[in-house]
Each structure stands twice: as structure tokens, then as C-alpha cells.
């Protein structure tokens, strides 16, 4: 999915109108539409502003994947279930607990790697 499509999907999921973003960016709704359709080049500074307006990080836009929305919802649900079990059952399977901790560490490492790759990407494209 291209960056313009990602912005559109996130904007729609958040219930934000093109007109609102266009006004905040001080451009016409038609000019904003061209950004989403990638008829106008989107630089990183403008991506940062759009991300801020949508109350997310630019990296969240770049990495956006609709399937992750489902997965994040699923993961949040799993975390709530785990907490429920921990509070309601004194003997939680230690293997499950360790597995959960390892998965959380792996997610942290992947996010760090992702951020480093984005920094490299930005430096490479700014030349």
C-alpha cells in the first residue's frame, strides 16, 4: 500500500475529513486530495504535520498495515485476558508467562529495528 493510501485509511479510521486536514495544512481540499492520490509529492516535513494532526507518529503512517489494526486489537485483548488470569488465578502456567515475556521483548526489538531503518531511509532519501 502506498503512503497516500495509508494516510487516507488512517484518516478515515479516525473519522477525520479531508477538508479538516486541508484547512490545517493551509491548502485546498483539492490539493490535499492530490497528496493522498500521490499526484503531489509528499515530503517528510508535511508527513510529520499530517501525523501530528492525526495524533500519531510519522512512523505509524509509514508502517501502517490494515492487518496490524486487527492484530493490535487482538493483542490488546490477549493482554487483558492475561491480566485477568493473573489476578484471578494464583498459579499461572510459568511457560505461558515466559512465552508472553519473550514475545513482548521481540516486539520491542522489532520496533527499535524499524525506527533505525526509518532513520536510515530518511538519511538516504535526503541526499
C-alpha atoms as a PDB file:
ATOM      1  CA  UNK A   1       0.000   0.000   0.000  1.00  0.00           C
ATOM      2  CA  UNK A   2       1.383   3.424  -0.950  1.00  0.00           C
ATOM      3  CA  UNK A   3       1.867   6.200   1.609  1.00  0.00           C
ATOM      4  CA  UNK A   4      -1.055   8.251   0.284  1.00  0.00           C
ATOM      5  CA  UNK A   5      -3.383   5.265   0.624  1.00  0.00           C
ATOM      6  CA  UNK A   6      -2.113   4.688   4.153  1.00  0.00           C
ATOM      7  CA  UNK A   7      -2.823   8.291   5.103  1.00  0.00           C
ATOM      8  CA  UNK A   8      -6.327   8.024   3.638  1.00  0.00           C
ATOM      9  CA  UNK A   9      -7.084   4.774   5.501  1.00  0.00           C
ATOM     10  CA  UNK A  10      -5.846   6.148   8.822  1.00  0.00           C
ATOM     11  CA  UNK A  11      -7.711   9.419   8.275  1.00  0.00           C
ATOM     12  CA  UNK A  12     -10.930   7.525   7.536  1.00  0.00           C
ATOM     13  CA  UNK A  13     -10.481   5.204  10.521  1.00  0.00           C
ATOM     14  CA  UNK A  14     -10.054   8.230  12.769  1.00  0.00           C
ATOM     15  CA  UNK A  15     -13.072   9.965  11.260  1.00  0.00           C
ATOM     16  CA  UNK A  16     -11.069  12.968  10.070  1.00  0.00           C
ATOM     17  CA  UNK A  17     -12.193  14.788   6.935  1.00  0.00           C
ATOM     18  CA  UNK A  18     -10.005  15.829   4.035  1.00  0.00           C
ATOM     19  CA  UNK A  19     -11.344  19.337   4.484  1.00  0.00           C
ATOM     20  CA  UNK A  20     -10.139  19.498   8.092  1.00  0.00           C
ATOM     21  CA  UNK A  21      -6.622  18.376   7.185  1.00  0.00           C
ATOM     22  CA  UNK A  22      -6.541  20.685   4.172  1.00  0.00           C
ATOM     23  CA  UNK A  23      -7.522  23.644   6.358  1.00  0.00           C
ATOM     24  CA  UNK A  24      -4.897  22.758   8.965  1.00  0.00           C
ATOM     25  CA  UNK A  25      -2.245  22.390   6.246  1.00  0.00           C
ATOM     26  CA  UNK A  26      -3.339  25.709   4.726  1.00  0.00           C
ATOM     27  CA  UNK A  27      -4.098  24.131   1.345  1.00  0.00           C
ATOM     28  CA  UNK A  28      -7.273  23.493  -0.624  1.00  0.00           C
ATOM     29  CA  UNK A  29      -9.201  20.225  -0.257  1.00  0.00           C
ATOM     30  CA  UNK A  30      -8.300  19.513  -3.898  1.00  0.00           C
ATOM     31  CA  UNK A  31      -4.587  19.943  -3.142  1.00  0.00           C
ATOM     32  CA  UNK A  32      -4.942  17.673  -0.127  1.00  0.00           C
ATOM     33  CA  UNK A  33      -6.692  15.054  -2.261  1.00  0.00           C
ATOM     34  CA  UNK A  34      -3.716  15.134  -4.622  1.00  0.00           C
ATOM     35  CA  UNK A  35      -1.447  14.298  -1.664  1.00  0.00           C
ATOM     36  CA  UNK A  36      -3.488  11.214  -0.841  1.00  0.00           C
ATOM     37  CA  UNK A  37      -3.610  10.181  -4.500  1.00  0.00           C
ATOM     38  CA  UNK A  38       0.137  10.869  -4.721  1.00  0.00           C
ATOM     39  CA  UNK A  39      -0.297  13.294  -7.593  1.00  0.00           C
ATOM     40  CA  UNK A  40       1.715  15.730  -5.458  1.00  0.00           C
ATOM     41  CA  UNK A  41       4.970  14.695  -3.825  1.00  0.00           C
ATOM     42  CA  UNK A  42       4.764  14.325  -0.051  1.00  0.00           C
ATOM     43  CA  UNK A  43       7.912  15.372   1.805  1.00  0.00           C
ATOM     44  CA  UNK A  44       8.793  14.236   5.308  1.00  0.00           C
ATOM     45  CA  UNK A  45       8.010  17.619   6.899  1.00  0.00           C
ATOM     46  CA  UNK A  46       4.462  17.515   5.588  1.00  0.00           C
ATOM     47  CA  UNK A  47       4.136  13.864   6.648  1.00  0.00           C
ATOM     48  CA  UNK A  48       5.133  14.919  10.177  1.00  0.00           C
ATOM     49  CA  UNK A  49       2.463  17.616  10.224  1.00  0.00           C
ATOM     50  CA  UNK A  50      -0.216  15.235   8.934  1.00  0.00           C
ATOM     51  CA  UNK A  51       0.795  12.647  11.531  1.00  0.00           C
ATOM     52  CA  UNK A  52       0.639  15.236  14.306  1.00  0.00           C
ATOM     53  CA  UNK A  53      -2.810  16.350  13.162  1.00  0.00           C
ATOM     54  CA  UNK A  54      -3.971  12.729  13.271  1.00  0.00           C
ATOM     55  CA  UNK A  55      -2.292  12.304  16.683  1.00  0.00           C
ATOM     56  CA  UNK A  56       0.081   9.541  15.581  1.00  0.00           C
ATOM     57  CA  UNK A  57       3.765   9.224  14.737  1.00  0.00           C
ATOM     58  CA  UNK A  58       5.013   9.521  11.140  1.00  0.00           C
ATOM     59  CA  UNK A  59       6.459   6.034  11.510  1.00  0.00           C
ATOM     60  CA  UNK A  60       2.957   4.747  12.267  1.00  0.00           C
ATOM     61  CA  UNK A  61       1.833   6.016   8.881  1.00  0.00           C
ATOM     62  CA  UNK A  62       4.814   4.548   7.048  1.00  0.00           C
ATOM     63  CA  UNK A  63       4.352   1.182   8.756  1.00  0.00           C
ATOM     64  CA  UNK A  64       0.562   1.153   8.597  1.00  0.00           C
ATOM     65  CA  UNK A  65      -0.977  -2.137   7.584  1.00  0.00           C
ATOM     66  CA  UNK A  66      -4.689  -2.842   7.955  1.00  0.00           C
ATOM     67  CA  UNK A  67      -3.939  -6.337   9.180  1.00  0.00           C
ATOM     68  CA  UNK A  68      -1.925  -4.828  12.047  1.00  0.00           C
ATOM     69  CA  UNK A  69      -5.004  -2.952  13.209  1.00  0.00           C
ATOM     70  CA  UNK A  70      -6.698  -6.290  13.701  1.00  0.00           C
ATOM     71  CA  UNK A  71      -3.574  -7.821  15.251  1.00  0.00           C
ATOM     72  CA  UNK A  72      -3.118  -4.918  17.679  1.00  0.00           C
ATOM     73  CA  UNK A  73      -6.745  -5.207  18.744  1.00  0.00           C
ATOM     74  CA  UNK A  74      -6.254  -8.933  19.169  1.00  0.00           C
ATOM     75  CA  UNK A  75      -3.014  -8.406  21.148  1.00  0.00           C
ATOM     76  CA  UNK A  76      -4.672  -5.865  23.439  1.00  0.00           C
ATOM     77  CA  UNK A  77      -7.458  -8.355  24.076  1.00  0.00           C
ATOM     78  CA  UNK A  78      -4.875 -11.060  24.854  1.00  0.00           C
ATOM     79  CA  UNK A  79      -3.123  -8.733  27.308  1.00  0.00           C
ATOM     80  CA  UNK A  80      -6.419  -8.079  29.111  1.00  0.00           C
ATOM     81  CA  UNK A  81      -7.115 -11.810  29.283  1.00  0.00           C
ATOM     82  CA  UNK A  82      -3.624 -12.457  30.677  1.00  0.00           C
ATOM     83  CA  UNK A  83      -4.119  -9.814  33.362  1.00  0.00           C
ATOM     84  CA  UNK A  84      -7.486 -11.318  34.242  1.00  0.00           C
ATOM     85  CA  UNK A  85      -5.887 -14.751  34.639  1.00  0.00           C
ATOM     86  CA  UNK A  86      -3.032 -13.340  36.721  1.00  0.00           C
ATOM     87  CA  UNK A  87      -5.413 -11.599  39.089  1.00  0.00           C
ATOM     88  CA  UNK A  88      -7.879 -14.458  39.301  1.00  0.00           C
ATOM     89  CA  UNK A  89      -5.641 -17.489  39.389  1.00  0.00           C
ATOM     90  CA  UNK A  90      -2.619 -17.694  41.679  1.00  0.00           C
ATOM     91  CA  UNK A  91      -0.980 -20.479  39.655  1.00  0.00           C
ATOM     92  CA  UNK A  92      -0.444 -19.340  36.091  1.00  0.00           C
ATOM     93  CA  UNK A  93       1.464 -21.680  33.864  1.00  0.00           C
ATOM     94  CA  UNK A  94       5.079 -20.380  34.050  1.00  0.00           C
ATOM     95  CA  UNK A  95       5.770 -21.480  30.474  1.00  0.00           C
ATOM     96  CA  UNK A  96       2.935 -19.286  29.179  1.00  0.00           C
ATOM     97  CA  UNK A  97       4.192 -16.355  31.239  1.00  0.00           C
ATOM     98  CA  UNK A  98       7.751 -16.741  29.909  1.00  0.00           C
ATOM     99  CA  UNK A  99       6.466 -17.071  26.338  1.00  0.00           C
ATOM    100  CA  UNK A 100       4.467 -13.877  26.742  1.00  0.00           C
ATOM    101  CA  UNK A 101       7.532 -12.027  28.086  1.00  0.00           C
ATOM    102  CA  UNK A 102       9.694 -13.251  25.203  1.00  0.00           C
ATOM    103  CA  UNK A 103       7.106 -12.113  22.670  1.00  0.00           C
ATOM    104  CA  UNK A 104       6.942  -8.684  24.283  1.00  0.00           C
ATOM    105  CA  UNK A 105      10.745  -8.386  24.101  1.00  0.00           C
ATOM    106  CA  UNK A 106      10.720  -9.428  20.456  1.00  0.00           C
ATOM    107  CA  UNK A 107       8.107  -6.778  19.663  1.00  0.00           C
ATOM    108  CA  UNK A 108      10.306  -4.133  21.344  1.00  0.00           C
ATOM    109  CA  UNK A 109      13.319  -5.239  19.304  1.00  0.00           C
ATOM    110  CA  UNK A 110      11.325  -5.156  16.070  1.00  0.00           C
ATOM    111  CA  UNK A 111      10.096  -1.637  16.815  1.00  0.00           C
ATOM    112  CA  UNK A 112      13.659  -0.480  17.505  1.00  0.00           C
ATOM    113  CA  UNK A 113      14.889  -2.069  14.279  1.00  0.00           C
ATOM    114  CA  UNK A 114      12.016  -0.432  12.417  1.00  0.00           C
ATOM    115  CA  UNK A 115      12.924   3.000  13.793  1.00  0.00           C
ATOM    116  CA  UNK A 116      16.575   2.546  12.840  1.00  0.00           C
ATOM    117  CA  UNK A 117      15.581   1.528   9.325  1.00  0.00           C
ATOM    118  CA  UNK A 118      13.362   4.604   9.023  1.00  0.00           C
ATOM    119  CA  UNK A 119      16.223   6.869  10.136  1.00  0.00           C
ATOM    120  CA  UNK A 120      18.486   5.235   7.560  1.00  0.00           C
ATOM    121  CA  UNK A 121      15.760   5.617   4.923  1.00  0.00           C
ATOM    122  CA  UNK A 122      15.355   9.317   5.749  1.00  0.00           C
ATOM    123  CA  UNK A 123      19.100   9.964   5.559  1.00  0.00           C
ATOM    124  CA  UNK A 124      19.400   8.065   2.283  1.00  0.00           C
ATOM    125  CA  UNK A 125      16.473   9.912   0.680  1.00  0.00           C
ATOM    126  CA  UNK A 126      17.592  13.334   1.865  1.00  0.00           C
ATOM    127  CA  UNK A 127      20.766  13.160  -0.248  1.00  0.00           C
END
